[in-house]
Amino acid sequence: MSLQDVTSVLTVGIAIYALFSWRRQEQLKTKLAFKNAIADYANHLKKIASHHQRSTVDQIEKLEELFNACHHSLLVTEGLLENNKKVMDAWGIINNQVTQYMVVAGDPESIQKINVACDEILNAKFVFNHSFVSLSKKQTK
C-alpha cells in the first residue's frame, strides 16, 4: 500500500469521525435547548407564583410564550427524548396542567404540579449523560 493510499484511508476515517462528532454535537444542542426552555418557563412560573397575587395579562402571555418555546424545542429534538420515560412523563404533566392553569387562572395546584414536573426535567441527566465511549458504540451499531 502506498503512502497516498494510507493517506486517503486516514482522511476518510477522520471525515467519518468528524461526521459522527458533528451529529452528536447537534443532538446535544437540541436537548440542551429543550432543557433551557424548560428552565426559562419554570423560572417565570416561580416568579409569578412567588407574588401570591393574581397573574397579570402580561405575565400570562409571557408564560404562554415560554410554554410554546418549550413545545417547539421538544419538537425540534425529533424524538431524541421519546425513550426517556421520566422526561416524557414530566412533559405530559406540564402539557396537561398548562391548560388547567389557564382555565382556572392561576390554580395553585396546577402551579405546584408544573413546578414539580419542570424540576423533574431539569434534574434529569439527558443532555450530557453518556461518556464519549458509550456514544461511539451507539453510533457504530
Protein backbone atom coordinates (compact mmCIF):
# COMPACT_ATOMS: atom_id res chain seq x y z
CA MET A 1 0.00 0.00 0.00
CA SER A 2 1.40 3.36 -0.97
CA LEU A 3 1.61 6.44 1.20
CA GLN A 4 -1.13 8.03 -0.91
CA ASP A 5 -3.47 5.08 -0.24
CA VAL A 6 -2.82 5.23 3.50
CA THR A 7 -3.41 8.98 3.50
CA SER A 8 -6.70 8.54 1.62
CA VAL A 9 -7.94 5.87 4.05
CA LEU A 10 -6.88 8.00 7.00
CA THR A 11 -8.69 11.03 5.53
CA VAL A 12 -11.88 9.01 5.07
CA GLY A 13 -11.61 7.77 8.66
CA ILE A 14 -11.19 11.28 10.00
CA ALA A 15 -14.13 12.50 7.90
CA ILE A 16 -16.39 9.75 9.24
CA TYR A 17 -15.31 10.52 12.80
CA ALA A 18 -15.99 14.24 12.24
CA LEU A 19 -19.43 13.47 10.85
CA PHE A 20 -20.39 11.42 13.91
CA SER A 21 -18.97 14.08 16.23
CA TRP A 22 -20.93 16.80 14.44
CA ARG A 23 -24.13 14.74 14.65
CA ARG A 24 -23.62 14.12 18.36
CA GLN A 25 -23.00 17.83 18.96
CA GLU A 26 -26.21 18.75 17.16
CA GLN A 27 -28.18 16.23 19.23
CA LEU A 28 -26.71 17.69 22.42
CA LYS A 29 -27.60 21.21 21.27
CA THR A 30 -31.25 20.31 20.66
CA LYS A 31 -31.56 18.53 24.02
CA LEU A 32 -29.91 21.47 25.75
CA ALA A 33 -32.27 23.92 24.01
CA PHE A 34 -35.24 21.96 25.40
CA LYS A 35 -33.76 21.94 28.89
CA ASN A 36 -33.05 25.69 28.68
CA ALA A 37 -36.61 26.38 27.51
CA ILE A 38 -37.97 24.40 30.47
CA ALA A 39 -35.68 26.35 32.81
CA ASP A 40 -36.93 29.69 31.44
CA TYR A 41 -40.55 28.54 31.76
CA ALA A 42 -40.05 27.23 35.31
CA ASN A 43 -38.28 30.41 36.42
CA HIS A 44 -41.07 32.62 35.09
CA LEU A 45 -43.75 30.42 36.66
CA LYS A 46 -41.99 30.50 40.02
CA LYS A 47 -41.67 34.27 39.79
CA ILE A 48 -45.41 34.59 39.16
CA ALA A 49 -46.27 32.18 41.97
CA SER A 50 -43.99 33.94 44.46
CA HIS A 51 -46.01 37.17 44.20
CA HIS A 52 -49.06 35.43 45.74
CA GLN A 53 -51.44 37.52 43.71
CA ARG A 54 -53.41 37.18 40.54
CA SER A 55 -51.24 37.00 37.47
CA THR A 56 -51.36 39.94 35.12
CA VAL A 57 -52.24 39.55 31.46
CA ASP A 58 -48.62 40.30 30.53
CA GLN A 59 -47.35 37.59 32.87
CA ILE A 60 -49.79 35.04 31.45
CA GLU A 61 -48.86 35.96 27.88
CA LYS A 62 -45.16 35.63 28.70
CA LEU A 63 -45.81 32.26 30.35
CA GLU A 64 -47.72 31.10 27.30
CA GLU A 65 -44.89 32.28 25.04
CA LEU A 66 -42.35 30.37 27.14
CA PHE A 67 -44.53 27.24 27.10
CA ASN A 68 -44.73 27.47 23.31
CA ALA A 69 -40.92 27.73 23.21
CA CYS A 70 -40.71 24.55 25.31
CA HIS A 71 -43.10 22.75 22.99
CA HIS A 72 -41.22 23.94 19.91
CA SER A 73 -37.84 22.88 21.30
CA LEU A 74 -39.24 19.44 22.15
CA LEU A 75 -40.50 19.05 18.58
CA VAL A 76 -37.07 20.00 17.24
CA THR A 77 -35.48 17.11 19.14
CA GLU A 78 -37.21 14.81 16.61
CA GLY A 79 -37.88 12.09 19.15
CA LEU A 80 -34.46 12.04 20.82
CA LEU A 81 -36.20 12.05 24.21
CA GLU A 82 -39.01 9.59 23.47
CA ASN A 83 -37.21 6.76 25.27
CA ASN A 84 -36.68 8.87 28.37
CA LYS A 85 -39.81 7.96 30.33
CA LYS A 86 -39.03 10.32 33.22
CA VAL A 87 -38.72 13.36 30.94
CA MET A 88 -41.69 12.46 28.75
CA ASP A 89 -43.95 11.78 31.76
CA ALA A 90 -42.96 15.11 33.29
CA TRP A 91 -43.61 16.85 29.98
CA GLY A 92 -47.04 15.20 29.84
CA ILE A 93 -47.87 16.63 33.27
CA ILE A 94 -46.74 20.10 32.21
CA ASN A 95 -48.69 19.88 28.97
CA ASN A 96 -51.88 18.80 30.79
CA GLN A 97 -51.56 21.23 33.68
CA VAL A 98 -50.93 24.28 31.48
CA THR A 99 -54.50 24.03 30.24
CA GLN A 100 -55.79 23.65 33.80
CA TYR A 101 -53.70 26.62 34.91
CA MET A 102 -55.08 28.81 32.11
CA VAL A 103 -58.70 27.75 32.67
CA VAL A 104 -58.64 28.35 36.42
CA ALA A 105 -56.46 31.44 36.04
CA GLY A 106 -53.54 30.60 38.29
CA ASP A 107 -54.72 27.44 40.03
CA PRO A 108 -52.16 26.86 42.83
CA GLU A 109 -52.43 23.07 42.50
CA SER A 110 -51.59 23.27 38.80
CA ILE A 111 -48.66 25.57 39.52
CA GLN A 112 -47.31 23.08 42.05
CA LYS A 113 -47.67 20.14 39.64
CA ILE A 114 -45.99 22.11 36.83
CA ASN A 115 -43.14 23.17 39.11
CA VAL A 116 -42.52 19.58 40.23
CA ALA A 117 -42.59 18.35 36.61
CA CYS A 118 -40.21 21.11 35.49
CA ASP A 119 -37.84 20.19 38.31
CA GLU A 120 -38.01 16.53 37.21
CA ILE A 121 -36.92 17.52 33.70
CA LEU A 122 -34.25 19.92 34.93
CA ASN A 123 -32.79 17.29 37.26
CA ALA A 124 -32.83 14.54 34.62
CA LYS A 125 -29.47 13.73 33.04
CA PHE A 126 -30.38 13.56 29.37
CA VAL A 127 -28.04 16.09 27.78
CA PHE A 128 -24.59 15.07 29.00
CA ASN A 129 -25.45 11.65 30.39
CA HIS A 130 -23.17 9.48 28.25
CA SER A 131 -19.45 9.14 28.04
CA PHE A 132 -17.73 9.55 24.71
CA VAL A 133 -17.02 5.81 24.54
CA SER A 134 -20.66 4.81 25.02
CA LEU A 135 -21.76 7.35 22.40
CA SER A 136 -19.25 5.98 19.91
CA LYS A 137 -20.53 2.45 20.49
CA LYS A 138 -24.14 3.51 19.94
CA GLN A 139 -23.29 5.32 16.70
CA THR A 140 -21.48 2.36 15.20
CA LYS A 141 -24.34 -0.08 15.81
